[in-house]
Amino acid sequence: MIKYLLVVAAVTSAVTAFECTKRQAGYQYQTSAEGWDKCDSNGLACCYYINGTVIIYSHGYDNGIYNPNTHCEYVIDLDPECDIVICAAMDFSMNGNDMVSIRTLDTNIKWTGTNQPSNVRVSGNKATIGFTSGPDVPPEGSKWSLGIVCVPKTEYKSVCEVCEDIENQQSNGPNGDSILKSLA
């Protein structure tokens, strides 16, 4: 029993100490309470930790163009009593080699290029969303947004209902240059 408790304590301290690793020393990163990002001549790298209902917008959403050579991770960790519903905006557009992926223990979804994604409910409260863009400069109008909504496991709501509830807030775009919009 004591060995078990020591292992649990070691794993817990390792997990709580985890932070996103920055690419190289010397880079200047923009940081916020949710994470960090850095844009330079090599592209954009970012990592965000999300623990509430939000809308994620691509960098440069209001300008209609995101950076080439981008790799962003959004680590979703909601209340354990929630399932995650992901709502893709209807103006979802990406360049040909670009991709959004959603990964959980049981699910692996990938949307590439100009494929229109569908709204989806994933079982569980944890997921990782990744965005990767290729080396080509995306055409004007390339942008995307995903609503991440906590739906209590004890409450039945269809994916359509959930996504309709946030549709107006999502289509209004981000607040300034922010890539995250909190939903109350």
C-alpha atoms as a PDB file:
ATOM      1  CA  MET A   1       0.000   0.000   0.000  1.00  0.00           C
ATOM      2  CA  ILE A   2       2.826   2.417   0.848  1.00  0.00           C
ATOM      3  CA  LYS A   3       4.544   1.689  -2.504  1.00  0.00           C
ATOM      4  CA  TYR A   4       1.246   2.418  -4.285  1.00  0.00           C
ATOM      5  CA  LEU A   5       0.882   5.771  -2.477  1.00  0.00           C
ATOM      6  CA  LEU A   6       4.484   6.730  -3.308  1.00  0.00           C
ATOM      7  CA  VAL A   7       3.930   5.935  -6.996  1.00  0.00           C
ATOM      8  CA  VAL A   8       0.681   7.935  -7.043  1.00  0.00           C
ATOM      9  CA  ALA A   9       2.401  10.875  -5.321  1.00  0.00           C
ATOM     10  CA  ALA A  10       5.313  10.788  -7.791  1.00  0.00           C
ATOM     11  CA  VAL A  11       3.007  10.646 -10.816  1.00  0.00           C
ATOM     12  CA  THR A  12       0.796  13.419  -9.432  1.00  0.00           C
ATOM     13  CA  SER A  13       3.745  15.736  -8.829  1.00  0.00           C
ATOM     14  CA  ALA A  14       5.119  15.024 -12.329  1.00  0.00           C
ATOM     15  CA  VAL A  15       1.754  15.799 -13.931  1.00  0.00           C
ATOM     16  CA  THR A  16       1.192  19.021 -12.004  1.00  0.00           C
ATOM     17  CA  ALA A  17       4.711  20.228 -12.863  1.00  0.00           C
ATOM     18  CA  PHE A  18       4.192  19.777 -16.620  1.00  0.00           C
ATOM     19  CA  GLU A  19       4.528  22.895 -18.742  1.00  0.00           C
ATOM     20  CA  CYS A  20       4.754  23.377 -22.470  1.00  0.00           C
ATOM     21  CA  THR A  21       8.356  23.206 -23.592  1.00  0.00           C
ATOM     22  CA  LYS A  22       9.532  26.207 -25.551  1.00  0.00           C
ATOM     23  CA  ARG A  23      11.370  25.553 -28.824  1.00  0.00           C
ATOM     24  CA  GLN A  24      14.748  27.133 -28.023  1.00  0.00           C
ATOM     25  CA  ALA A  25      16.309  29.386 -25.460  1.00  0.00           C
ATOM     26  CA  GLY A  26      16.456  33.036 -26.436  1.00  0.00           C
ATOM     27  CA  TYR A  27      13.046  33.292 -28.147  1.00  0.00           C
ATOM     28  CA  GLN A  28      10.628  35.854 -26.797  1.00  0.00           C
ATOM     29  CA  TYR A  29       7.206  34.325 -26.217  1.00  0.00           C
ATOM     30  CA  GLN A  30       3.884  35.983 -25.692  1.00  0.00           C
ATOM     31  CA  THR A  31       2.401  34.434 -22.589  1.00  0.00           C
ATOM     32  CA  SER A  32      -1.004  34.469 -20.998  1.00  0.00           C
ATOM     33  CA  ALA A  33      -2.686  32.605 -18.162  1.00  0.00           C
ATOM     34  CA  GLU A  34      -3.724  29.936 -20.663  1.00  0.00           C
ATOM     35  CA  GLY A  35      -0.406  29.345 -22.430  1.00  0.00           C
ATOM     36  CA  TRP A  36       2.186  30.760 -24.788  1.00  0.00           C
ATOM     37  CA  ASP A  37       2.861  31.383 -28.447  1.00  0.00           C
ATOM     38  CA  LYS A  38       5.798  32.537 -30.517  1.00  0.00           C
ATOM     39  CA  CYS A  39       5.868  33.672 -34.112  1.00  0.00           C
ATOM     40  CA  ASP A  40       9.170  34.016 -35.949  1.00  0.00           C
ATOM     41  CA  SER A  41      10.705  33.330 -39.350  1.00  0.00           C
ATOM     42  CA  ASN A  42      10.260  29.584 -38.723  1.00  0.00           C
ATOM     43  CA  GLY A  43       6.501  29.919 -38.268  1.00  0.00           C
ATOM     44  CA  LEU A  44       4.336  29.828 -35.177  1.00  0.00           C
ATOM     45  CA  ALA A  45       4.448  27.455 -32.241  1.00  0.00           C
ATOM     46  CA  CYS A  46       1.931  27.609 -29.428  1.00  0.00           C
ATOM     47  CA  CYS A  47       0.528  25.617 -26.555  1.00  0.00           C
ATOM     48  CA  TYR A  48      -2.625  26.431 -24.593  1.00  0.00           C
ATOM     49  CA  TYR A  49      -4.218  24.735 -21.597  1.00  0.00           C
ATOM     50  CA  ILE A  50      -8.005  25.054 -21.547  1.00  0.00           C
ATOM     51  CA  ASN A  51     -10.081  24.148 -18.508  1.00  0.00           C
ATOM     52  CA  GLY A  52     -13.421  25.767 -19.328  1.00  0.00           C
ATOM     53  CA  THR A  53     -15.963  26.311 -22.078  1.00  0.00           C
ATOM     54  CA  VAL A  54     -14.303  28.467 -24.748  1.00  0.00           C
ATOM     55  CA  ILE A  55     -14.113  29.230 -28.434  1.00  0.00           C
ATOM     56  CA  ILE A  56     -10.698  28.769 -30.042  1.00  0.00           C
ATOM     57  CA  TYR A  57      -9.953  31.035 -33.009  1.00  0.00           C
ATOM     58  CA  SER A  58      -7.087  30.657 -35.447  1.00  0.00           C
ATOM     59  CA  HIS A  59      -4.319  33.242 -35.104  1.00  0.00           C
ATOM     60  CA  GLY A  60      -5.112  36.120 -37.453  1.00  0.00           C
ATOM     61  CA  TYR A  61      -8.816  35.204 -37.531  1.00  0.00           C
ATOM     62  CA  ASP A  62     -10.015  38.787 -38.034  1.00  0.00           C
ATOM     63  CA  ASN A  63      -7.511  39.313 -40.862  1.00  0.00           C
ATOM     64  CA  GLY A  64      -8.596  36.095 -42.572  1.00  0.00           C
ATOM     65  CA  ILE A  65      -5.115  34.603 -42.683  1.00  0.00           C
ATOM     66  CA  TYR A  66      -3.053  32.497 -40.288  1.00  0.00           C
ATOM     67  CA  ASN A  67       0.686  31.833 -40.365  1.00  0.00           C
ATOM     68  CA  PRO A  68       2.345  29.126 -42.442  1.00  0.00           C
ATOM     69  CA  ASN A  69       4.533  26.585 -40.611  1.00  0.00           C
ATOM     70  CA  THR A  70       2.332  26.624 -37.541  1.00  0.00           C
ATOM     71  CA  HIS A  71       2.025  23.948 -34.906  1.00  0.00           C
ATOM     72  CA  CYS A  72      -0.367  24.621 -32.045  1.00  0.00           C
ATOM     73  CA  GLU A  73      -1.636  22.308 -29.324  1.00  0.00           C
ATOM     74  CA  TYR A  74      -4.712  23.005 -27.236  1.00  0.00           C
ATOM     75  CA  VAL A  75      -4.871  20.727 -24.190  1.00  0.00           C
ATOM     76  CA  ILE A  76      -8.493  20.429 -23.049  1.00  0.00           C
ATOM     77  CA  ASP A  77      -9.109  19.367 -19.436  1.00  0.00           C
ATOM     78  CA  LEU A  78     -12.689  20.078 -18.359  1.00  0.00           C
ATOM     79  CA  ASP A  79     -14.650  19.079 -15.269  1.00  0.00           C
ATOM     80  CA  PRO A  80     -14.671  15.256 -14.889  1.00  0.00           C
ATOM     81  CA  GLU A  81     -18.478  15.300 -14.951  1.00  0.00           C
ATOM     82  CA  CYS A  82     -18.488  16.698 -18.515  1.00  0.00           C
ATOM     83  CA  ASP A  83     -18.372  15.376 -22.024  1.00  0.00           C
ATOM     84  CA  ILE A  84     -16.794  17.657 -24.622  1.00  0.00           C
ATOM     85  CA  VAL A  85     -18.818  18.952 -27.558  1.00  0.00           C
ATOM     86  CA  ILE A  86     -16.778  20.539 -30.356  1.00  0.00           C
ATOM     87  CA  CYS A  87     -18.575  23.033 -32.607  1.00  0.00           C
ATOM     88  CA  ALA A  88     -16.842  23.939 -35.875  1.00  0.00           C
ATOM     89  CA  ALA A  89     -17.692  27.338 -37.345  1.00  0.00           C
ATOM     90  CA  MET A  90     -19.480  27.377 -40.685  1.00  0.00           C
ATOM     91  CA  ASP A  91     -16.780  29.665 -42.157  1.00  0.00           C
ATOM     92  CA  PHE A  92     -14.196  26.967 -41.497  1.00  0.00           C
ATOM     93  CA  SER A  93     -11.549  27.198 -44.211  1.00  0.00           C
ATOM     94  CA  MET A  94      -7.961  26.043 -44.409  1.00  0.00           C
ATOM     95  CA  ASN A  95      -5.236  25.752 -46.991  1.00  0.00           C
ATOM     96  CA  GLY A  96      -4.739  22.406 -48.769  1.00  0.00           C
ATOM     97  CA  ASN A  97      -2.039  20.860 -46.547  1.00  0.00           C
ATOM     98  CA  ASP A  98      -3.288  22.260 -43.252  1.00  0.00           C
ATOM     99  CA  MET A  99      -4.930  20.117 -40.590  1.00  0.00           C
ATOM    100  CA  VAL A 100      -6.906  20.195 -37.348  1.00  0.00           C
ATOM    101  CA  SER A 101      -6.892  17.024 -35.278  1.00  0.00           C
ATOM    102  CA  ILE A 102      -8.815  15.997 -32.177  1.00  0.00           C
ATOM    103  CA  ARG A 103      -7.425  13.238 -30.027  1.00  0.00           C
ATOM    104  CA  THR A 104      -8.783  11.498 -26.951  1.00  0.00           C
ATOM    105  CA  LEU A 105      -8.065   8.049 -25.565  1.00  0.00           C
ATOM    106  CA  ASP A 106     -10.852   6.642 -27.776  1.00  0.00           C
ATOM    107  CA  THR A 107     -11.071   9.084 -30.690  1.00  0.00           C
ATOM    108  CA  ASN A 108      -8.826  10.399 -33.441  1.00  0.00           C
ATOM    109  CA  ILE A 109     -10.460  12.861 -35.854  1.00  0.00           C
ATOM    110  CA  LYS A 110      -8.596  14.763 -38.582  1.00  0.00           C
ATOM    111  CA  TRP A 111      -9.874  17.551 -40.802  1.00  0.00           C
ATOM    112  CA  THR A 112      -7.584  18.560 -43.634  1.00  0.00           C
ATOM    113  CA  GLY A 113      -7.602  21.218 -46.337  1.00  0.00           C
ATOM    114  CA  THR A 114     -10.999  22.483 -47.341  1.00  0.00           C
ATOM    115  CA  ASN A 115     -12.989  19.573 -45.856  1.00  0.00           C
ATOM    116  CA  GLN A 116     -15.932  20.951 -43.903  1.00  0.00           C
ATOM    117  CA  PRO A 117     -15.767  19.467 -40.400  1.00  0.00           C
ATOM    118  CA  SER A 118     -18.815  18.351 -38.511  1.00  0.00           C
ATOM    119  CA  ASN A 119     -19.757  19.133 -34.952  1.00  0.00           C
ATOM    120  CA  VAL A 120     -18.970  16.243 -32.642  1.00  0.00           C
ATOM    121  CA  ARG A 121     -19.389  15.022 -29.074  1.00  0.00           C
ATOM    122  CA  VAL A 122     -16.436  13.140 -27.641  1.00  0.00           C
ATOM    123  CA  SER A 123     -16.866  10.939 -24.599  1.00  0.00           C
ATOM    124  CA  GLY A 124     -14.872  12.223 -21.696  1.00  0.00           C
ATOM    125  CA  ASN A 125     -13.550  15.508 -20.375  1.00  0.00           C
ATOM    126  CA  LYS A 126     -10.007  15.455 -21.785  1.00  0.00           C
ATOM    127  CA  ALA A 127      -8.800  15.951 -25.354  1.00  0.00           C
ATOM    128  CA  THR A 128      -5.959  17.429 -27.340  1.00  0.00           C
ATOM    129  CA  ILE A 129      -6.656  19.582 -30.369  1.00  0.00           C
ATOM    130  CA  GLY A 130      -3.793  20.184 -32.752  1.00  0.00           C
ATOM    131  CA  PHE A 131      -3.469  22.599 -35.655  1.00  0.00           C
ATOM    132  CA  THR A 132      -0.710  22.297 -38.222  1.00  0.00           C
ATOM    133  CA  SER A 133      -0.187  24.419 -41.318  1.00  0.00           C
ATOM    134  CA  GLY A 134       2.200  23.686 -44.155  1.00  0.00           C
ATOM    135  CA  PRO A 135       4.942  25.885 -45.606  1.00  0.00           C
ATOM    136  CA  ASP A 136       2.714  27.633 -48.171  1.00  0.00           C
ATOM    137  CA  VAL A 137       1.212  31.002 -47.283  1.00  0.00           C
ATOM    138  CA  PRO A 138      -2.510  30.376 -46.841  1.00  0.00           C
ATOM    139  CA  PRO A 139      -4.828  32.182 -49.250  1.00  0.00           C
ATOM    140  CA  GLU A 140      -6.719  35.187 -47.974  1.00  0.00           C
ATOM    141  CA  GLY A 141      -9.814  34.116 -46.060  1.00  0.00           C
ATOM    142  CA  SER A 142      -8.147  31.134 -44.374  1.00  0.00           C
ATOM    143  CA  LYS A 143      -9.440  30.960 -40.831  1.00  0.00           C
ATOM    144  CA  TRP A 144     -11.184  28.614 -38.459  1.00  0.00           C
ATOM    145  CA  SER A 145     -12.819  28.452 -35.046  1.00  0.00           C
ATOM    146  CA  LEU A 146     -13.877  25.650 -32.730  1.00  0.00           C
ATOM    147  CA  GLY A 147     -16.245  25.932 -29.787  1.00  0.00           C
ATOM    148  CA  ILE A 148     -15.271  23.688 -26.865  1.00  0.00           C
ATOM    149  CA  VAL A 149     -18.301  23.128 -24.649  1.00  0.00           C
ATOM    150  CA  CYS A 150     -18.643  21.212 -21.375  1.00  0.00           C
ATOM    151  CA  VAL A 151     -21.933  19.278 -21.347  1.00  0.00           C
ATOM    152  CA  PRO A 152     -22.709  17.612 -18.009  1.00  0.00           C
ATOM    153  CA  LYS A 153     -22.913  13.834 -18.357  1.00  0.00           C
ATOM    154  CA  THR A 154     -26.196  13.899 -16.426  1.00  0.00           C
ATOM    155  CA  GLU A 155     -27.813  16.339 -18.890  1.00  0.00           C
ATOM    156  CA  TYR A 156     -28.890  15.264 -22.354  1.00  0.00           C
ATOM    157  CA  LYS A 157     -28.289  17.864 -25.026  1.00  0.00           C
ATOM    158  CA  SER A 158     -27.840  17.028 -28.666  1.00  0.00           C
ATOM    159  CA  VAL A 159     -24.755  18.281 -30.470  1.00  0.00           C
ATOM    160  CA  CYS A 160     -27.059  20.453 -32.599  1.00  0.00           C
ATOM    161  CA  GLU A 161     -28.576  22.126 -29.512  1.00  0.00           C
ATOM    162  CA  VAL A 162     -25.186  22.803 -27.953  1.00  0.00           C
ATOM    163  CA  CYS A 163     -23.700  24.286 -31.120  1.00  0.00           C
ATOM    164  CA  GLU A 164     -26.796  26.387 -31.860  1.00  0.00           C
ATOM    165  CA  ASP A 165     -26.530  27.845 -28.336  1.00  0.00           C
ATOM    166  CA  ILE A 166     -23.047  29.263 -29.028  1.00  0.00           C
ATOM    167  CA  GLU A 167     -23.402  29.960 -32.774  1.00  0.00           C
ATOM    168  CA  ASN A 168     -23.899  33.739 -32.420  1.00  0.00           C
ATOM    169  CA  GLN A 169     -21.001  34.168 -29.995  1.00  0.00           C
ATOM    170  CA  GLN A 170     -18.775  32.075 -32.239  1.00  0.00           C
ATOM    171  CA  SER A 171     -19.663  33.931 -35.423  1.00  0.00           C
ATOM    172  CA  ASN A 172     -19.001  37.318 -33.735  1.00  0.00           C
ATOM    173  CA  GLY A 173     -15.306  36.465 -33.753  1.00  0.00           C
ATOM    174  CA  PRO A 174     -12.667  36.909 -31.081  1.00  0.00           C
ATOM    175  CA  ASN A 175     -12.201  39.799 -28.702  1.00  0.00           C
ATOM    176  CA  GLY A 176      -9.384  41.756 -30.353  1.00  0.00           C
ATOM    177  CA  ASP A 177      -6.333  39.650 -31.122  1.00  0.00           C
ATOM    178  CA  SER A 178      -7.192  36.995 -28.560  1.00  0.00           C
ATOM    179  CA  ILE A 179      -7.447  33.448 -29.830  1.00  0.00           C
ATOM    180  CA  LEU A 180      -9.622  32.293 -26.896  1.00  0.00           C
ATOM    181  CA  LYS A 181     -13.071  33.573 -25.978  1.00  0.00           C
ATOM    182  CA  SER A 182     -14.517  32.379 -22.699  1.00  0.00           C
ATOM    183  CA  LEU A 183     -18.182  31.418 -22.712  1.00  0.00           C
ATOM    184  CA  ALA A 184     -20.167  31.927 -19.520  1.00  0.00           C
END
